[in-house]
Protein backbone atom coordinates (compact mmCIF):
# COMPACT_ATOMS: atom_id res chain seq x y z
CA MET A 1 -13.72 29.53 -61.47
CA THR A 2 -11.87 27.12 -58.85
CA ALA A 3 -8.89 28.32 -56.63
CA LEU A 4 -6.76 25.72 -59.16
CA ASP A 5 -8.10 27.29 -62.03
CA GLU A 6 -7.18 30.71 -60.78
CA LEU A 7 -3.77 29.49 -59.94
CA GLU A 8 -3.04 27.79 -63.39
CA SER A 9 -4.17 30.70 -65.31
CA GLY A 10 -2.02 33.08 -63.20
CA GLN A 11 -4.92 35.30 -62.05
CA SER A 12 -4.89 35.01 -58.23
CA LYS A 13 -2.33 35.98 -56.03
CA HIS A 14 -4.45 36.17 -53.04
CA LEU A 15 -5.89 32.43 -52.01
CA ARG A 16 -6.14 32.86 -48.09
CA GLY A 17 -7.89 29.93 -46.80
CA ALA A 18 -8.68 28.43 -50.23
CA ASP A 19 -9.65 24.62 -50.24
CA LEU A 20 -6.94 22.81 -52.41
CA GLU A 21 -6.73 19.71 -50.67
CA ASP A 22 -5.49 16.58 -52.69
CA GLN A 23 -4.91 19.21 -55.79
CA THR A 24 -2.12 18.33 -58.14
CA LEU A 25 0.02 21.82 -58.44
CA SER A 26 3.35 20.15 -59.01
CA GLY A 27 5.72 22.21 -61.27
CA LEU A 28 3.72 25.39 -61.02
CA ASP A 29 5.14 28.82 -60.42
CA LEU A 30 3.50 29.74 -57.08
CA HIS A 31 5.90 32.60 -56.02
CA ASN A 32 4.66 35.23 -53.62
CA ILE A 33 0.85 33.95 -53.35
CA ASP A 34 -0.91 34.29 -50.28
CA PHE A 35 -2.11 30.59 -48.89
CA ALA A 36 -2.44 31.83 -45.41
CA GLY A 37 -4.91 29.28 -43.67
CA ALA A 38 -5.13 27.52 -46.53
CA LYS A 39 -6.23 23.72 -46.74
CA LEU A 40 -3.45 21.90 -49.13
CA SER A 41 -4.02 18.57 -47.17
CA GLY A 42 -2.46 15.82 -49.44
CA ALA A 43 -1.77 18.21 -52.29
CA ASN A 44 1.22 17.27 -54.66
CA LEU A 45 3.56 20.58 -54.92
CA VAL A 46 6.66 18.59 -56.09
CA ARG A 47 9.24 20.84 -57.87
CA ALA A 48 6.82 23.89 -57.08
CA ASN A 49 8.03 27.35 -56.74
CA LEU A 50 6.80 28.87 -53.60
CA GLU A 51 9.47 31.38 -53.06
CA ALA A 52 8.23 34.38 -50.78
CA ALA A 53 4.73 32.73 -50.63
CA HIS A 54 2.62 33.24 -47.57
CA LEU A 55 1.60 29.77 -46.00
CA GLU A 56 1.24 30.70 -42.17
CA GLY A 57 -1.21 28.72 -40.40
CA ALA A 58 -2.01 26.59 -43.65
CA ASN A 59 -2.72 22.92 -43.25
CA CYS A 60 -0.32 20.94 -45.36
CA LEU A 61 -0.93 17.65 -43.45
CA GLY A 62 0.57 14.60 -45.91
CA ALA A 63 1.16 17.18 -48.64
CA ASN A 64 4.38 16.77 -51.10
CA PHE A 65 6.94 19.31 -51.58
CA ASP A 66 9.78 17.08 -52.78
CA HIS A 67 12.37 19.21 -54.56
CA SER A 68 10.10 22.35 -54.41
CA ASN A 69 11.50 26.04 -53.50
CA LEU A 70 9.61 26.60 -50.23
CA ARG A 71 11.97 29.60 -49.14
CA ALA A 72 8.75 31.34 -47.76
CA ASN A 73 6.33 32.52 -44.61
CA LEU A 74 5.65 29.10 -42.97
CA VAL A 75 4.95 30.37 -39.31
CA GLY A 76 2.50 27.85 -37.65
CA ILE A 77 2.05 25.83 -40.71
CA ASN A 78 1.23 22.03 -40.40
CA LEU A 79 3.34 19.69 -42.29
CA MET A 80 2.55 16.76 -40.40
CA GLN A 81 3.39 13.48 -42.35
CA ALA A 82 4.37 15.97 -45.34
CA SER A 83 7.21 14.97 -47.75
CA LEU A 84 10.11 17.66 -48.25
CA GLN A 85 12.88 15.49 -49.70
CA GLY A 86 15.53 17.61 -51.19
CA THR A 87 13.49 20.80 -50.80
CA ASP A 88 15.03 24.33 -50.55
CA LEU A 89 13.90 25.99 -47.40
CA ARG A 90 17.03 28.00 -46.61
CA GLY A 91 16.06 31.16 -44.77
CA ALA A 92 12.43 29.97 -44.47
CA ASN A 93 10.40 31.24 -41.36
CA LEU A 94 8.94 28.03 -39.88
CA ARG A 95 8.61 29.28 -36.27
CA GLY A 96 6.08 27.13 -34.14
CA ALA A 97 5.63 24.95 -37.32
CA THR A 98 4.17 21.28 -36.69
CA LEU A 99 6.08 18.83 -38.77
CA MET A 100 5.80 15.38 -36.84
CA GLY A 101 6.74 12.47 -38.90
CA ALA A 102 7.81 14.62 -42.05
CA ASN A 103 10.37 13.56 -44.17
CA LEU A 104 12.95 16.31 -45.00
CA GLN A 105 15.80 14.10 -46.12
CA ALA A 106 18.53 16.17 -47.71
CA ALA A 107 16.45 19.15 -47.54
CA SER A 108 18.27 22.16 -47.31
CA LEU A 109 17.28 24.40 -44.37
CA ALA A 110 20.38 26.55 -43.79
CA GLY A 111 19.88 29.88 -41.95
CA ALA A 112 15.97 28.68 -41.61
CA PHE A 113 14.02 29.68 -38.50
CA LEU A 114 12.19 26.89 -36.60
CA SER A 115 12.47 27.94 -33.00
CA GLY A 116 9.79 26.47 -31.17
CA ALA A 117 8.92 24.08 -34.07
CA ASN A 118 7.54 20.34 -33.40
CA LEU A 119 9.94 17.78 -35.13
CA VAL A 120 9.23 14.77 -33.31
CA GLY A 121 9.91 11.90 -35.45
CA VAL A 122 11.20 13.40 -38.19
CA ASN A 123 13.52 12.38 -40.82
CA LEU A 124 16.48 15.03 -41.33
CA MET A 125 18.93 12.59 -42.69
CA GLY A 126 21.74 14.33 -44.73
CA ALA A 127 19.57 18.02 -44.00
CA ASP A 128 21.72 21.12 -44.08
CA LEU A 129 20.87 22.83 -41.02
CA ARG A 130 23.93 25.39 -40.68
CA GLY A 131 23.51 28.29 -39.05
CA ALA A 132 19.69 27.61 -38.51
CA ASP A 133 17.61 28.71 -35.39
CA LEU A 134 16.51 25.89 -33.79
CA ARG A 135 16.03 27.02 -30.13
CA GLY A 136 13.54 25.46 -28.24
CA ALA A 137 12.67 23.12 -31.12
CA ASN A 138 11.55 19.26 -30.40
CA PHE A 139 13.83 16.99 -32.11
CA SER A 140 12.91 13.87 -29.98
CA ARG A 141 13.40 10.47 -31.58
CA SER A 142 14.24 12.28 -34.99
CA ASN A 143 16.95 11.08 -37.50
CA LEU A 144 19.66 13.58 -37.86
CA SER A 145 22.24 11.11 -39.17
CA GLY A 146 24.74 12.77 -41.16
CA ALA A 147 22.99 16.27 -41.01
CA ASN A 148 25.24 19.45 -40.89
CA LEU A 149 24.12 21.40 -37.96
CA SER A 150 27.40 23.53 -37.98
CA GLN A 151 27.11 26.76 -36.07
CA ALA A 152 23.14 26.08 -35.51
CA ASP A 153 21.68 27.72 -32.32
CA LEU A 154 19.92 24.72 -30.58
CA GLN A 155 19.52 26.33 -27.04
CA GLY A 156 16.94 24.64 -25.08
CA ALA A 157 16.28 22.14 -27.88
CA ASN A 158 14.95 18.69 -27.04
CA LEU A 159 17.04 15.92 -28.88
CA CYS A 160 16.29 13.24 -26.69
CA GLU A 161 16.68 10.12 -28.18
CA ALA A 162 17.42 11.70 -31.43
CA ASN A 163 20.05 9.81 -33.89
CA LEU A 164 22.90 12.37 -34.41
CA GLU A 165 25.09 9.59 -36.01
CA GLU A 166 28.16 11.30 -38.17
CA ALA A 167 26.24 14.65 -37.57
CA ASN A 168 28.35 17.65 -37.95
CA LEU A 169 27.75 20.30 -34.60
CA GLY A 170 30.95 21.81 -34.82
CA GLU A 171 30.44 25.68 -33.40
CA ALA A 172 26.81 24.73 -32.76
CA ASN A 173 25.14 25.85 -29.31
CA LEU A 174 23.44 23.23 -27.23
CA GLN A 175 23.22 25.15 -24.30
CA GLY A 176 20.41 23.79 -21.95
CA ALA A 177 19.19 21.21 -24.47
CA ASN A 178 18.33 17.80 -23.62
CA LEU A 179 20.52 14.97 -25.27
CA ALA A 180 19.41 12.20 -22.93
CA ARG A 181 19.73 8.82 -24.91
CA ALA A 182 20.71 10.58 -28.09
CA ASN A 183 23.03 8.90 -30.25
CA PHE A 184 26.22 10.59 -31.14
CA LEU A 185 28.15 7.81 -32.87
CA CYS A 186 31.28 9.34 -34.89
CA ALA A 187 29.67 13.08 -34.79
CA ASN A 188 31.61 16.24 -34.60
CA LEU A 189 31.07 18.23 -31.82
CA GLU A 190 33.97 20.54 -31.91
CA ASN A 191 33.81 23.92 -30.24
CA THR A 192 30.30 22.93 -29.38
CA LYS A 193 28.65 25.01 -26.45
CA LEU A 194 27.26 22.16 -23.91
CA ASP A 195 26.68 24.20 -20.82
CA GLY A 196 23.77 23.20 -18.80
CA ALA A 197 22.84 20.25 -21.38
CA THR A 198 21.42 17.17 -20.34
CA TYR A 199 23.10 13.98 -21.81
CA SER A 200 22.11 11.15 -19.19
CA GLY A 201 22.73 7.90 -21.28
CA ALA A 202 23.77 9.42 -24.63
CA CYS A 203 26.10 7.51 -26.92
CA TRP A 204 29.43 9.10 -27.40
CA THR A 205 31.45 6.60 -29.15
CA GLY A 206 33.82 7.95 -31.87
CA THR A 207 32.57 11.28 -31.19
CA LEU A 208 35.11 14.24 -31.79
CA LEU A 209 35.11 16.72 -28.77
CA ASP A 210 37.50 19.32 -28.12
CA GLY A 211 39.33 19.50 -24.47
CA GLU A 212 36.58 21.21 -22.54
CA ALA A 213 33.63 19.18 -23.75
CA ASP A 214 35.71 15.89 -23.68
CA GLY A 215 34.86 15.33 -20.12
CA ILE A 216 30.78 14.46 -20.87
CA LYS A 217 31.98 11.09 -21.78
CA SER A 218 33.06 10.40 -18.01
CA LEU A 219 29.72 11.85 -16.99
CA ASP A 220 27.58 9.75 -19.02
């Protein structure tokens, strides 16, 4: 019996290191299954239920998780070029994950843990990142337009050349962050902590700033 047969029959909860590359797992109930170190490159997991699953260190290069429940352990996972549009990642653990070039448009990441994650060139347009732990994450050249980052912790994060047009960063912590050449056009930065941030060349046109932060415009 193959690993796919075991999944479809509900006979297996332990598939550590299993080879499921390019397999179709869409719509399956995969909650609490151990996929640690599994090979899921190119797999189709659209609308799959992976709540409480273990995917730490799994290789999901180019996999499709659109509209799935991925509230899971994703420490060190490879989601490079993966599609996660509308995916539920609330509270998910993505510490040290690789998401370069992934599509997370309109994804739900409220309260998620992404400290140290690689999100270079990621599409997070309209994503919900409220209260997320984003310390030291690399968002350079990413699209965060319209994203909700209110109360998120972005201490030491790299947002160089990121697009944050109309994003909500109210009460977020951007202390020590790299904001060089970032686009904050019409963004909300009310009550945002910016101590020690680097923001040379950033665009602040139409940005909503409180009294303390308003001085950054003159230092641009």
